[in-house]
Amino acid sequence: VLVKPRMRSFAYRALVSIPASYFA
């Protein structure tokens, strides 16, 4: 998704961005 970066919704950050950072 960061190939075309932009600020995402709260739902996306809660379900994807933050847990992805955690697991990485």
PDB file of all heavy atoms in Angstrom:
ATOM      1  N   VAL A   1       0.832  -1.208   0.000  1.00  0.00           N
ATOM      2  CA  VAL A   1       0.000   0.000   0.000  1.00  0.00           C
ATOM      3  C   VAL A   1       0.865   1.257   0.000  1.00  0.00           C
ATOM      4  O   VAL A   1       0.506   2.280  -0.602  1.00  0.00           O
ATOM      5  CB  VAL A   1      -0.955  -0.033   1.216  1.00  0.00           C
ATOM      6  CG1 VAL A   1      -1.583   1.331   1.453  1.00  0.00           C
ATOM      7  CG2 VAL A   1      -2.057  -1.076   1.002  1.00  0.00           C
ATOM      8  N   LEU A   2       2.025   1.185   0.648  1.00  0.00           N
ATOM      9  CA  LEU A   2       2.897   2.360   0.715  1.00  0.00           C
ATOM     10  C   LEU A   2       3.596   2.659  -0.603  1.00  0.00           C
ATOM     11  O   LEU A   2       4.320   3.649  -0.710  1.00  0.00           O
ATOM     12  CB  LEU A   2       3.935   2.166   1.825  1.00  0.00           C
ATOM     13  CG  LEU A   2       3.381   2.293   3.247  1.00  0.00           C
ATOM     14  CD1 LEU A   2       4.462   1.993   4.275  1.00  0.00           C
ATOM     15  CD2 LEU A   2       2.801   3.682   3.479  1.00  0.00           C
ATOM     16  N   VAL A   3       3.378   1.829  -1.607  1.00  0.00           N
ATOM     17  CA  VAL A   3       3.839   2.187  -2.947  1.00  0.00           C
ATOM     18  C   VAL A   3       3.139   3.471  -3.393  1.00  0.00           C
ATOM     19  O   VAL A   3       3.717   4.304  -4.091  1.00  0.00           O
ATOM     20  CB  VAL A   3       3.561   1.027  -3.929  1.00  0.00           C
ATOM     21  CG1 VAL A   3       3.790   1.480  -5.370  1.00  0.00           C
ATOM     22  CG2 VAL A   3       4.462  -0.169  -3.603  1.00  0.00           C
ATOM     23  N   LYS A   4       1.894   3.641  -2.979  1.00  0.00           N
ATOM     24  CA  LYS A   4       1.137   4.878  -3.209  1.00  0.00           C
ATOM     25  C   LYS A   4       0.694   5.417  -1.848  1.00  0.00           C
ATOM     26  O   LYS A   4      -0.446   5.249  -1.428  1.00  0.00           O
ATOM     27  CB  LYS A   4      -0.086   4.606  -4.099  1.00  0.00           C
ATOM     28  CG  LYS A   4       0.259   4.194  -5.513  1.00  0.00           C
ATOM     29  CD  LYS A   4       0.899   5.349  -6.297  1.00  0.00           C
ATOM     30  CE  LYS A   4       1.154   4.981  -7.747  1.00  0.00           C
ATOM     31  NZ  LYS A   4       1.809   6.089  -8.487  1.00  0.00           N
ATOM     32  N   PRO A   5       1.603   6.070  -1.125  1.00  0.00           N
ATOM     33  CA  PRO A   5       1.307   6.430   0.266  1.00  0.00           C
ATOM     34  C   PRO A   5       0.300   7.559   0.408  1.00  0.00           C
ATOM     35  O   PRO A   5       0.290   8.510  -0.370  1.00  0.00           O
ATOM     36  CB  PRO A   5       2.680   6.864   0.794  1.00  0.00           C
ATOM     37  CG  PRO A   5       3.411   7.346  -0.414  1.00  0.00           C
ATOM     38  CD  PRO A   5       2.946   6.476  -1.535  1.00  0.00           C
ATOM     39  N   ARG A   6      -0.538   7.432   1.421  1.00  0.00           N
ATOM     40  CA  ARG A   6      -1.449   8.498   1.854  1.00  0.00           C
ATOM     41  C   ARG A   6      -1.956   8.128   3.240  1.00  0.00           C
ATOM     42  O   ARG A   6      -1.867   6.974   3.652  1.00  0.00           O
ATOM     43  CB  ARG A   6      -2.616   8.680   0.886  1.00  0.00           C
ATOM     44  CG  ARG A   6      -3.537   7.484   0.748  1.00  0.00           C
ATOM     45  CD  ARG A   6      -4.671   7.786  -0.219  1.00  0.00           C
ATOM     46  NE  ARG A   6      -5.542   6.636  -0.448  1.00  0.00           N
ATOM     47  CZ  ARG A   6      -6.566   6.304   0.326  1.00  0.00           C
ATOM     48  NH1 ARG A   6      -6.855   7.028   1.398  1.00  0.00           N
ATOM     49  NH2 ARG A   6      -7.315   5.250   0.032  1.00  0.00           N
ATOM     50  N   MET A   7      -2.460   9.115   3.957  1.00  0.00           N
ATOM     51  CA  MET A   7      -3.008   8.854   5.290  1.00  0.00           C
ATOM     52  C   MET A   7      -4.239   7.967   5.168  1.00  0.00           C
ATOM     53  O   MET A   7      -5.101   8.193   4.301  1.00  0.00           O
ATOM     54  CB  MET A   7      -3.359  10.157   5.987  1.00  0.00           C
ATOM     55  CG  MET A   7      -2.139  10.934   6.458  1.00  0.00           C
ATOM     56  SD  MET A   7      -1.261  10.169   7.853  1.00  0.00           S
ATOM     57  CE  MET A   7      -2.335  10.635   9.215  1.00  0.00           C
ATOM     58  N   ARG A   8      -4.324   6.977   6.037  1.00  0.00           N
ATOM     59  CA  ARG A   8      -5.413   6.004   5.991  1.00  0.00           C
ATOM     60  C   ARG A   8      -6.395   6.226   7.131  1.00  0.00           C
ATOM     61  O   ARG A   8      -6.128   6.945   8.098  1.00  0.00           O
ATOM     62  CB  ARG A   8      -4.838   4.590   6.074  1.00  0.00           C
ATOM     63  CG  ARG A   8      -3.832   4.281   4.975  1.00  0.00           C
ATOM     64  CD  ARG A   8      -4.501   4.117   3.614  1.00  0.00           C
ATOM     65  NE  ARG A   8      -3.532   4.078   2.531  1.00  0.00           N
ATOM     66  CZ  ARG A   8      -3.848   3.815   1.271  1.00  0.00           C
ATOM     67  NH1 ARG A   8      -5.115   3.578   0.942  1.00  0.00           N
ATOM     68  NH2 ARG A   8      -2.912   3.808   0.338  1.00  0.00           N
ATOM     69  N   SER A   9      -7.526   5.555   7.030  1.00  0.00           N
ATOM     70  CA  SER A   9      -8.588   5.684   8.024  1.00  0.00           C
ATOM     71  C   SER A   9      -8.184   5.036   9.344  1.00  0.00           C
ATOM     72  O   SER A   9      -7.231   4.248   9.419  1.00  0.00           O
ATOM     73  CB  SER A   9      -9.864   5.012   7.512  1.00  0.00           C
ATOM     74  OG  SER A   9      -9.666   3.611   7.409  1.00  0.00           O
ATOM     75  N   PHE A  10      -8.929   5.336  10.387  1.00  0.00           N
ATOM     76  CA  PHE A  10      -8.682   4.725  11.694  1.00  0.00           C
ATOM     77  C   PHE A  10      -8.804   3.212  11.610  1.00  0.00           C
ATOM     78  O   PHE A  10      -7.988   2.485  12.191  1.00  0.00           O
ATOM     79  CB  PHE A  10      -9.678   5.271  12.720  1.00  0.00           C
ATOM     80  CG  PHE A  10      -9.624   4.551  14.040  1.00  0.00           C
ATOM     81  CD1 PHE A  10      -8.628   4.841  14.956  1.00  0.00           C
ATOM     82  CD2 PHE A  10     -10.561   3.564  14.356  1.00  0.00           C
ATOM     83  CE1 PHE A  10      -8.562   4.162  16.177  1.00  0.00           C
ATOM     84  CE2 PHE A  10     -10.499   2.884  15.561  1.00  0.00           C
ATOM     85  CZ  PHE A  10      -9.500   3.194  16.473  1.00  0.00           C
ATOM     86  N   ALA A  11      -9.795   2.724  10.878  1.00  0.00           N
ATOM     87  CA  ALA A  11      -9.998   1.275  10.770  1.00  0.00           C
ATOM     88  C   ALA A  11      -8.792   0.604  10.116  1.00  0.00           C
ATOM     89  O   ALA A  11      -8.329  -0.445  10.580  1.00  0.00           O
ATOM     90  CB  ALA A  11     -11.265   0.984   9.965  1.00  0.00           C
ATOM     91  N   TYR A  12      -8.264   1.198   9.053  1.00  0.00           N
ATOM     92  CA  TYR A  12      -7.101   0.616   8.384  1.00  0.00           C
ATOM     93  C   TYR A  12      -5.898   0.619   9.316  1.00  0.00           C
ATOM     94  O   TYR A  12      -5.155  -0.378   9.402  1.00  0.00           O
ATOM     95  CB  TYR A  12      -6.781   1.386   7.106  1.00  0.00           C
ATOM     96  CG  TYR A  12      -5.567   0.853   6.380  1.00  0.00           C
ATOM     97  CD1 TYR A  12      -5.683  -0.190   5.472  1.00  0.00           C
ATOM     98  CD2 TYR A  12      -4.296   1.385   6.625  1.00  0.00           C
ATOM     99  CE1 TYR A  12      -4.569  -0.703   4.812  1.00  0.00           C
ATOM    100  CE2 TYR A  12      -3.179   0.876   5.979  1.00  0.00           C
ATOM    101  CZ  TYR A  12      -3.323  -0.162   5.075  1.00  0.00           C
ATOM    102  OH  TYR A  12      -2.214  -0.667   4.437  1.00  0.00           O
ATOM    103  N   ARG A  13      -5.679   1.727  10.009  1.00  0.00           N
ATOM    104  CA  ARG A  13      -4.532   1.795  10.907  1.00  0.00           C
ATOM    105  C   ARG A  13      -4.659   0.786  12.043  1.00  0.00           C
ATOM    106  O   ARG A  13      -3.675   0.167  12.454  1.00  0.00           O
ATOM    107  CB  ARG A  13      -4.387   3.220  11.460  1.00  0.00           C
ATOM    108  CG  ARG A  13      -3.888   4.206  10.421  1.00  0.00           C
ATOM    109  CD  ARG A  13      -3.617   5.596  10.968  1.00  0.00           C
ATOM    110  NE  ARG A  13      -4.841   6.314  11.307  1.00  0.00           N
ATOM    111  CZ  ARG A  13      -5.221   6.605  12.536  1.00  0.00           C
ATOM    112  NH1 ARG A  13      -4.472   6.241  13.563  1.00  0.00           N
ATOM    113  NH2 ARG A  13      -6.335   7.260  12.753  1.00  0.00           N
ATOM    114  N   ALA A  14      -5.905   0.603  12.542  1.00  0.00           N
ATOM    115  CA  ALA A  14      -6.111  -0.328  13.654  1.00  0.00           C
ATOM    116  C   ALA A  14      -5.976  -1.785  13.230  1.00  0.00           C
ATOM    117  O   ALA A  14      -5.494  -2.626  14.005  1.00  0.00           O
ATOM    118  CB  ALA A  14      -7.487  -0.089  14.274  1.00  0.00           C
ATOM    119  N   LEU A  15      -6.391  -2.084  12.003  1.00  0.00           N
ATOM    120  CA  LEU A  15      -6.394  -3.482  11.541  1.00  0.00           C
ATOM    121  C   LEU A  15      -5.155  -3.862  10.738  1.00  0.00           C
ATOM    122  O   LEU A  15      -4.838  -5.049  10.624  1.00  0.00           O
ATOM    123  CB  LEU A  15      -7.650  -3.740  10.692  1.00  0.00           C
ATOM    124  CG  LEU A  15      -8.988  -3.648  11.425  1.00  0.00           C
ATOM    125  CD1 LEU A  15     -10.142  -3.787  10.444  1.00  0.00           C
ATOM    126  CD2 LEU A  15      -9.087  -4.708  12.520  1.00  0.00           C
ATOM    127  N   VAL A  16      -4.479  -2.863  10.179  1.00  0.00           N
ATOM    128  CA  VAL A  16      -3.338  -3.174   9.313  1.00  0.00           C
ATOM    129  C   VAL A  16      -2.056  -2.480   9.779  1.00  0.00           C
ATOM    130  O   VAL A  16      -1.088  -3.142  10.156  1.00  0.00           O
ATOM    131  CB  VAL A  16      -3.640  -2.799   7.843  1.00  0.00           C
ATOM    132  CG1 VAL A  16      -2.419  -3.070   6.957  1.00  0.00           C
ATOM    133  CG2 VAL A  16      -4.848  -3.582   7.334  1.00  0.00           C
ATOM    134  N   SER A  17      -2.031  -1.154   9.761  1.00  0.00           N
ATOM    135  CA  SER A  17      -0.783  -0.421   9.995  1.00  0.00           C
ATOM    136  C   SER A  17      -0.135  -0.759  11.328  1.00  0.00           C
ATOM    137  O   SER A  17       1.054  -1.113  11.391  1.00  0.00           O
ATOM    138  CB  SER A  17      -1.036   1.090   9.917  1.00  0.00           C
ATOM    139  OG  SER A  17      -1.492   1.469   8.651  1.00  0.00           O
ATOM    140  N   ILE A  18      -0.905  -0.652  12.405  1.00  0.00           N
ATOM    141  CA  ILE A  18      -0.331  -0.845  13.739  1.00  0.00           C
ATOM    142  C   ILE A  18       0.001  -2.307  14.012  1.00  0.00           C
ATOM    143  O   ILE A  18       1.118  -2.609  14.455  1.00  0.00           O
ATOM    144  CB  ILE A  18      -1.253  -0.241  14.812  1.00  0.00           C
ATOM    145  CG1 ILE A  18      -1.276   1.287  14.638  1.00  0.00           C
ATOM    146  CG2 ILE A  18      -0.800  -0.620  16.216  1.00  0.00           C
ATOM    147  CD1 ILE A  18      -2.248   2.006  15.536  1.00  0.00           C
ATOM    148  N   PRO A  19      -0.909  -3.270  13.745  1.00  0.00           N
ATOM    149  CA  PRO A  19      -0.508  -4.665  13.950  1.00  0.00           C
ATOM    150  C   PRO A  19       0.621  -5.113  13.019  1.00  0.00           C
ATOM    151  O   PRO A  19       1.443  -5.954  13.398  1.00  0.00           O
ATOM    152  CB  PRO A  19      -1.794  -5.456  13.691  1.00  0.00           C
ATOM    153  CG  PRO A  19      -2.730  -4.529  13.005  1.00  0.00           C
ATOM    154  CD  PRO A  19      -2.350  -3.159  13.440  1.00  0.00           C
ATOM    155  N   ALA A  20       0.695  -4.561  11.811  1.00  0.00           N
ATOM    156  CA  ALA A  20       1.816  -4.897  10.922  1.00  0.00           C
ATOM    157  C   ALA A  20       3.130  -4.399  11.509  1.00  0.00           C
ATOM    158  O   ALA A  20       4.155  -5.102  11.460  1.00  0.00           O
ATOM    159  CB  ALA A  20       1.592  -4.297   9.534  1.00  0.00           C
ATOM    160  N   SER A  21       3.125  -3.199  12.067  1.00  0.00           N
ATOM    161  CA  SER A  21       4.325  -2.677  12.717  1.00  0.00           C
ATOM    162  C   SER A  21       4.715  -3.546  13.912  1.00  0.00           C
ATOM    163  O   SER A  21       5.900  -3.826  14.137  1.00  0.00           O
ATOM    164  CB  SER A  21       4.093  -1.234  13.174  1.00  0.00           C
ATOM    165  OG  SER A  21       3.875  -0.378  12.071  1.00  0.00           O
ATOM    166  N   TYR A  22       3.708  -3.969  14.672  1.00  0.00           N
ATOM    167  CA  TYR A  22       3.960  -4.844  15.816  1.00  0.00           C
ATOM    168  C   TYR A  22       4.629  -6.144  15.387  1.00  0.00           C
ATOM    169  O   TYR A  22       5.662  -6.541  15.945  1.00  0.00           O
ATOM    170  CB  TYR A  22       2.639  -5.150  16.528  1.00  0.00           C
ATOM    171  CG  TYR A  22       2.686  -6.402  17.370  1.00  0.00           C
ATOM    172  CD1 TYR A  22       3.354  -6.407  18.593  1.00  0.00           C
ATOM    173  CD2 TYR A  22       2.099  -7.588  16.922  1.00  0.00           C
ATOM    174  CE1 TYR A  22       3.424  -7.566  19.360  1.00  0.00           C
ATOM    175  CE2 TYR A  22       2.160  -8.740  17.683  1.00  0.00           C
ATOM    176  CZ  TYR A  22       2.829  -8.724  18.902  1.00  0.00           C
ATOM    177  OH  TYR A  22       2.904  -9.871  19.648  1.00  0.00           O
ATOM    178  N   PHE A  23       4.076  -6.787  14.370  1.00  0.00           N
ATOM    179  CA  PHE A  23       4.601  -8.096  13.979  1.00  0.00           C
ATOM    180  C   PHE A  23       5.963  -7.955  13.296  1.00  0.00           C
ATOM    181  O   PHE A  23       6.853  -8.803  13.494  1.00  0.00           O
ATOM    182  CB  PHE A  23       3.617  -8.807  13.058  1.00  0.00           C
ATOM    183  CG  PHE A  23       3.896 -10.275  12.905  1.00  0.00           C
ATOM    184  CD1 PHE A  23       3.827 -11.124  13.994  1.00  0.00           C
ATOM    185  CD2 PHE A  23       4.240 -10.808  11.672  1.00  0.00           C
ATOM    186  CE1 PHE A  23       4.093 -12.487  13.868  1.00  0.00           C
ATOM    187  CE2 PHE A  23       4.503 -12.161  11.521  1.00  0.00           C
ATOM    188  CZ  PHE A  23       4.432 -13.004  12.621  1.00  0.00           C
ATOM    189  N   ALA A  24       6.145  -6.888  12.511  1.00  0.00           N
ATOM    190  CA  ALA A  24       7.444  -6.663  11.872  1.00  0.00           C
ATOM    191  C   ALA A  24       8.533  -6.440  12.917  1.00  0.00           C
ATOM    192  O   ALA A  24       9.638  -6.987  12.815  1.00  0.00           O
ATOM    193  CB  ALA A  24       7.366  -5.471  10.922  1.00  0.00           C
TER     194      ALA A  24
END
